[in-house]
Amino acid sequence: MGEPVFEPEKLPFVTAVGDSQKDNRYTLTIESAQISEIKQVEFSASSMGNPHITVKVDDLDNYPVQEIGKLLESHPSFPNRVNVGFMQIIDKHQIRVRVYERGSGETLACGTGACAAVANGISHGWLAEQVSVTLPAGKLHIQWQQGAHSLMMTGPASFVYEGQITL
């Protein structure tokens, strides 16, 4: 799947003056009448060829993925918008992920989003080098050794649609 890129300017992500790039943790303020209790969201940023941020949450089932995803995806700090992953860590080898993709909304599966979540988790020391990622549509296995190595992703492939188009 390639190597993750953690430089904010490569997403692009416009960081505020004083934001630290060393630990890849950022906070953005979001405002919405629907989610008045959440004002600041902490996340990690990375690119897997497309821009991703990963928000670590305690309870993926009860987190407002739709509302927060929509606000972060189009936040002014991301001039080309961004894919927003929400990650719940079960243990060092297992996570659950939901992804709000830019321009699409929440999706059932996202390989680059799973890879970005694992890369961000490993970079913070939260995850092991081999991680099972459960997404709404199924499970992927991601392996990454930090440094100059590509992430390896394995998982099932299935037929989902057949159609015809008249041009």
C-alpha atoms as a PDB file:
ATOM      1  CA  MET A   1       0.000   0.000   0.000  1.00  0.00           C
ATOM      2  CA  GLY A   2       3.033   2.301   0.071  1.00  0.00           C
ATOM      3  CA  GLU A   3       4.675   4.233   2.852  1.00  0.00           C
ATOM      4  CA  PRO A   4       2.730   6.678   5.014  1.00  0.00           C
ATOM      5  CA  VAL A   5       3.661  10.338   4.777  1.00  0.00           C
ATOM      6  CA  PHE A   6       3.309  12.319   7.998  1.00  0.00           C
ATOM      7  CA  GLU A   7       4.260  15.831   6.806  1.00  0.00           C
ATOM      8  CA  PRO A   8       1.126  18.010   7.109  1.00  0.00           C
ATOM      9  CA  GLU A   9       1.929  20.120   4.047  1.00  0.00           C
ATOM     10  CA  LYS A  10       1.810  16.983   1.860  1.00  0.00           C
ATOM     11  CA  LEU A  11      -1.853  16.244   2.694  1.00  0.00           C
ATOM     12  CA  PRO A  12      -2.249  19.318   2.488  1.00  0.00           C
ATOM     13  CA  PHE A  13      -3.060  20.327   6.059  1.00  0.00           C
ATOM     14  CA  VAL A  14      -2.544  23.936   7.059  1.00  0.00           C
ATOM     15  CA  THR A  15      -1.332  23.832  10.656  1.00  0.00           C
ATOM     16  CA  ALA A  16      -1.511  26.745  13.032  1.00  0.00           C
ATOM     17  CA  VAL A  17       1.621  28.512  14.185  1.00  0.00           C
ATOM     18  CA  GLY A  18       3.138  26.524  17.031  1.00  0.00           C
ATOM     19  CA  ASP A  19       1.562  23.171  16.063  1.00  0.00           C
ATOM     20  CA  SER A  20       3.999  20.356  16.681  1.00  0.00           C
ATOM     21  CA  GLN A  21       4.906  18.106  13.764  1.00  0.00           C
ATOM     22  CA  LYS A  22       7.157  15.962  15.948  1.00  0.00           C
ATOM     23  CA  ASP A  23       4.470  13.873  17.601  1.00  0.00           C
ATOM     24  CA  ASN A  24       1.854  14.090  14.805  1.00  0.00           C
ATOM     25  CA  ARG A  25      -0.936  15.111  17.187  1.00  0.00           C
ATOM     26  CA  TYR A  26      -3.101  18.052  16.307  1.00  0.00           C
ATOM     27  CA  THR A  27      -6.264  19.616  17.682  1.00  0.00           C
ATOM     28  CA  LEU A  28      -8.921  21.492  15.738  1.00  0.00           C
ATOM     29  CA  THR A  29     -11.845  23.427  17.104  1.00  0.00           C
ATOM     30  CA  ILE A  30     -15.169  22.584  15.512  1.00  0.00           C
ATOM     31  CA  GLU A  31     -18.470  24.342  15.955  1.00  0.00           C
ATOM     32  CA  SER A  32     -21.955  22.974  15.416  1.00  0.00           C
ATOM     33  CA  ALA A  33     -25.262  23.282  17.223  1.00  0.00           C
ATOM     34  CA  GLN A  34     -25.735  19.492  16.874  1.00  0.00           C
ATOM     35  CA  ILE A  35     -22.586  18.609  18.813  1.00  0.00           C
ATOM     36  CA  SER A  36     -22.236  21.438  21.303  1.00  0.00           C
ATOM     37  CA  GLU A  37     -20.456  19.178  23.824  1.00  0.00           C
ATOM     38  CA  ILE A  38     -17.496  18.575  21.471  1.00  0.00           C
ATOM     39  CA  LYS A  39     -15.458  21.652  20.751  1.00  0.00           C
ATOM     40  CA  GLN A  40     -11.946  20.312  20.208  1.00  0.00           C
ATOM     41  CA  VAL A  41     -10.991  17.148  18.319  1.00  0.00           C
ATOM     42  CA  GLU A  42      -7.510  15.616  18.585  1.00  0.00           C
ATOM     43  CA  PHE A  43      -6.211  13.618  15.625  1.00  0.00           C
ATOM     44  CA  SER A  44      -3.138  12.369  13.773  1.00  0.00           C
ATOM     45  CA  ALA A  45      -2.514  13.151  10.107  1.00  0.00           C
ATOM     46  CA  SER A  46      -1.022  11.012   7.351  1.00  0.00           C
ATOM     47  CA  SER A  47      -1.222  10.395   3.645  1.00  0.00           C
ATOM     48  CA  MET A  48      -1.446   7.012   1.963  1.00  0.00           C
ATOM     49  CA  GLY A  49      -1.490   8.673  -1.461  1.00  0.00           C
ATOM     50  CA  ASN A  50      -4.653  10.431  -0.333  1.00  0.00           C
ATOM     51  CA  PRO A  51      -5.135  12.598   2.769  1.00  0.00           C
ATOM     52  CA  HIS A  52      -6.287  11.022   6.038  1.00  0.00           C
ATOM     53  CA  ILE A  53      -6.686  12.026   9.637  1.00  0.00           C
ATOM     54  CA  THR A  54      -7.317   9.526  12.424  1.00  0.00           C
ATOM     55  CA  VAL A  55      -9.371  10.345  15.508  1.00  0.00           C
ATOM     56  CA  LYS A  56      -8.886   7.914  18.407  1.00  0.00           C
ATOM     57  CA  VAL A  57     -12.191   7.246  20.197  1.00  0.00           C
ATOM     58  CA  ASP A  58     -13.179   5.143  23.199  1.00  0.00           C
ATOM     59  CA  ASP A  59     -16.565   3.947  21.910  1.00  0.00           C
ATOM     60  CA  LEU A  60     -16.939   3.779  18.129  1.00  0.00           C
ATOM     61  CA  ASP A  61     -20.588   2.731  18.298  1.00  0.00           C
ATOM     62  CA  ASN A  62     -21.644   5.836  20.229  1.00  0.00           C
ATOM     63  CA  TYR A  63     -19.298   8.425  18.739  1.00  0.00           C
ATOM     64  CA  PRO A  64     -20.958  10.984  16.395  1.00  0.00           C
ATOM     65  CA  VAL A  65     -19.041   9.826  13.294  1.00  0.00           C
ATOM     66  CA  GLN A  66     -21.424  11.436  10.787  1.00  0.00           C
ATOM     67  CA  GLU A  67     -21.456  14.855  12.442  1.00  0.00           C
ATOM     68  CA  ILE A  68     -17.761  15.072  13.350  1.00  0.00           C
ATOM     69  CA  GLY A  69     -16.694  13.474  10.054  1.00  0.00           C
ATOM     70  CA  LYS A  70     -18.619  16.040   8.033  1.00  0.00           C
ATOM     71  CA  LEU A  71     -17.169  18.964   9.998  1.00  0.00           C
ATOM     72  CA  LEU A  72     -13.562  17.742   9.830  1.00  0.00           C
ATOM     73  CA  GLU A  73     -13.733  16.582   6.186  1.00  0.00           C
ATOM     74  CA  SER A  74     -14.461  20.123   5.042  1.00  0.00           C
ATOM     75  CA  HIS A  75     -12.582  22.062   7.757  1.00  0.00           C
ATOM     76  CA  PRO A  76     -10.725  25.115   6.367  1.00  0.00           C
ATOM     77  CA  SER A  77      -7.413  23.611   7.587  1.00  0.00           C
ATOM     78  CA  PHE A  78      -7.753  21.027   4.775  1.00  0.00           C
ATOM     79  CA  PRO A  79      -7.895  23.019   1.518  1.00  0.00           C
ATOM     80  CA  ASN A  80      -8.514  19.841  -0.559  1.00  0.00           C
ATOM     81  CA  ARG A  81     -10.695  18.251   2.139  1.00  0.00           C
ATOM     82  CA  VAL A  82      -9.670  15.098   4.000  1.00  0.00           C
ATOM     83  CA  ASN A  83     -10.760  11.534   4.742  1.00  0.00           C
ATOM     84  CA  VAL A  84     -11.584  11.160   8.434  1.00  0.00           C
ATOM     85  CA  GLY A  85     -10.984   7.831  10.188  1.00  0.00           C
ATOM     86  CA  PHE A  86     -12.340   7.046  13.635  1.00  0.00           C
ATOM     87  CA  MET A  87     -10.343   4.345  15.438  1.00  0.00           C
ATOM     88  CA  GLN A  88     -11.226   2.376  18.562  1.00  0.00           C
ATOM     89  CA  ILE A  89      -8.331   0.336  19.942  1.00  0.00           C
ATOM     90  CA  ILE A  90      -9.370  -3.064  21.279  1.00  0.00           C
ATOM     91  CA  ASP A  91      -5.775  -4.102  22.037  1.00  0.00           C
ATOM     92  CA  LYS A  92      -2.352  -3.720  20.378  1.00  0.00           C
ATOM     93  CA  HIS A  93      -3.350  -6.178  17.633  1.00  0.00           C
ATOM     94  CA  GLN A  94      -7.015  -5.246  17.037  1.00  0.00           C
ATOM     95  CA  ILE A  95      -8.810  -2.045  16.148  1.00  0.00           C
ATOM     96  CA  ARG A  96     -12.207  -1.028  14.838  1.00  0.00           C
ATOM     97  CA  VAL A  97     -12.410   1.741  12.239  1.00  0.00           C
ATOM     98  CA  ARG A  98     -15.140   3.785  10.593  1.00  0.00           C
ATOM     99  CA  VAL A  99     -14.214   6.170   7.770  1.00  0.00           C
ATOM    100  CA  TYR A 100     -15.934   9.334   6.592  1.00  0.00           C
ATOM    101  CA  GLU A 101     -14.543   9.807   3.081  1.00  0.00           C
ATOM    102  CA  ARG A 102     -14.211  13.207   1.508  1.00  0.00           C
ATOM    103  CA  GLY A 103     -17.001  13.818  -0.957  1.00  0.00           C
ATOM    104  CA  SER A 104     -18.787  10.532  -0.129  1.00  0.00           C
ATOM    105  CA  GLY A 105     -19.687  10.425   3.552  1.00  0.00           C
ATOM    106  CA  GLU A 106     -19.284   7.325   5.694  1.00  0.00           C
ATOM    107  CA  THR A 107     -18.241   4.233   3.750  1.00  0.00           C
ATOM    108  CA  LEU A 108     -18.407   0.536   4.583  1.00  0.00           C
ATOM    109  CA  ALA A 109     -14.702  -0.066   3.956  1.00  0.00           C
ATOM    110  CA  CYS A 110     -11.586   1.934   3.129  1.00  0.00           C
ATOM    111  CA  GLY A 111      -8.214   0.254   2.638  1.00  0.00           C
ATOM    112  CA  THR A 112      -6.184   3.444   2.724  1.00  0.00           C
ATOM    113  CA  GLY A 113      -8.145   4.584   5.788  1.00  0.00           C
ATOM    114  CA  ALA A 114      -7.364   1.310   7.574  1.00  0.00           C
ATOM    115  CA  CYS A 115      -3.680   1.686   6.655  1.00  0.00           C
ATOM    116  CA  ALA A 116      -3.595   5.318   7.823  1.00  0.00           C
ATOM    117  CA  ALA A 117      -5.190   4.370  11.166  1.00  0.00           C
ATOM    118  CA  VAL A 118      -2.645   1.590  11.707  1.00  0.00           C
ATOM    119  CA  ALA A 119       0.299   3.795  10.681  1.00  0.00           C
ATOM    120  CA  ASN A 120      -0.846   6.561  13.029  1.00  0.00           C
ATOM    121  CA  GLY A 121      -1.437   4.057  15.845  1.00  0.00           C
ATOM    122  CA  ILE A 122       1.975   2.433  15.408  1.00  0.00           C
ATOM    123  CA  SER A 123       3.721   5.806  15.231  1.00  0.00           C
ATOM    124  CA  HIS A 124       2.264   6.662  18.662  1.00  0.00           C
ATOM    125  CA  GLY A 125       3.183   3.272  20.152  1.00  0.00           C
ATOM    126  CA  TRP A 126      -0.469   2.262  20.590  1.00  0.00           C
ATOM    127  CA  LEU A 127      -0.355  -0.673  18.148  1.00  0.00           C
ATOM    128  CA  ALA A 128       1.880  -3.630  17.261  1.00  0.00           C
ATOM    129  CA  GLU A 129       3.373  -4.208  13.789  1.00  0.00           C
ATOM    130  CA  GLN A 130       0.527  -6.563  12.808  1.00  0.00           C
ATOM    131  CA  VAL A 131      -3.033  -5.357  13.310  1.00  0.00           C
ATOM    132  CA  SER A 132      -6.463  -6.732  12.487  1.00  0.00           C
ATOM    133  CA  VAL A 133      -8.784  -3.900  11.407  1.00  0.00           C
ATOM    134  CA  THR A 134     -12.543  -4.407  11.579  1.00  0.00           C
ATOM    135  CA  LEU A 135     -14.549  -2.078   9.317  1.00  0.00           C
ATOM    136  CA  PRO A 136     -18.351  -2.177   8.881  1.00  0.00           C
ATOM    137  CA  ALA A 137     -18.012  -4.355   5.740  1.00  0.00           C
ATOM    138  CA  GLY A 138     -15.344  -6.746   6.987  1.00  0.00           C
ATOM    139  CA  LYS A 139     -11.868  -7.310   8.282  1.00  0.00           C
ATOM    140  CA  LEU A 140      -8.436  -6.365   6.926  1.00  0.00           C
ATOM    141  CA  HIS A 141      -4.992  -7.298   8.177  1.00  0.00           C
ATOM    142  CA  ILE A 142      -2.347  -4.578   8.092  1.00  0.00           C
ATOM    143  CA  GLN A 143       1.366  -5.043   8.752  1.00  0.00           C
ATOM    144  CA  TRP A 144       3.938  -2.258   8.996  1.00  0.00           C
ATOM    145  CA  GLN A 145       7.469  -1.945  10.266  1.00  0.00           C
ATOM    146  CA  GLN A 146       8.213   1.714  10.888  1.00  0.00           C
ATOM    147  CA  GLY A 147      10.885   3.227   8.731  1.00  0.00           C
ATOM    148  CA  ALA A 148      11.300   2.883   5.000  1.00  0.00           C
ATOM    149  CA  HIS A 149       8.779   0.076   4.534  1.00  0.00           C
ATOM    150  CA  SER A 150       5.444  -0.182   2.742  1.00  0.00           C
ATOM    151  CA  LEU A 151       2.345  -1.159   4.630  1.00  0.00           C
ATOM    152  CA  MET A 152       1.079  -4.585   3.646  1.00  0.00           C
ATOM    153  CA  MET A 153      -2.689  -5.071   3.516  1.00  0.00           C
ATOM    154  CA  THR A 154      -4.472  -8.391   3.109  1.00  0.00           C
ATOM    155  CA  GLY A 155      -8.146  -9.201   3.194  1.00  0.00           C
ATOM    156  CA  PRO A 156     -11.007 -10.686   1.237  1.00  0.00           C
ATOM    157  CA  ALA A 157     -12.266  -9.421  -2.100  1.00  0.00           C
ATOM    158  CA  SER A 158     -15.857  -9.886  -3.177  1.00  0.00           C
ATOM    159  CA  PHE A 159     -18.047  -9.001  -6.115  1.00  0.00           C
ATOM    160  CA  VAL A 160     -20.459  -6.174  -5.228  1.00  0.00           C
ATOM    161  CA  TYR A 161     -21.997  -4.827  -8.403  1.00  0.00           C
ATOM    162  CA  GLU A 162     -22.520  -5.389 -12.085  1.00  0.00           C
ATOM    163  CA  GLY A 163     -24.037  -2.853 -14.439  1.00  0.00           C
ATOM    164  CA  GLN A 164     -24.184  -1.434 -17.928  1.00  0.00           C
ATOM    165  CA  ILE A 165     -23.954   2.081 -19.163  1.00  0.00           C
ATOM    166  CA  THR A 166     -25.043   3.397 -22.536  1.00  0.00           C
ATOM    167  CA  LEU A 167     -22.801   6.099 -23.938  1.00  0.00           C
END
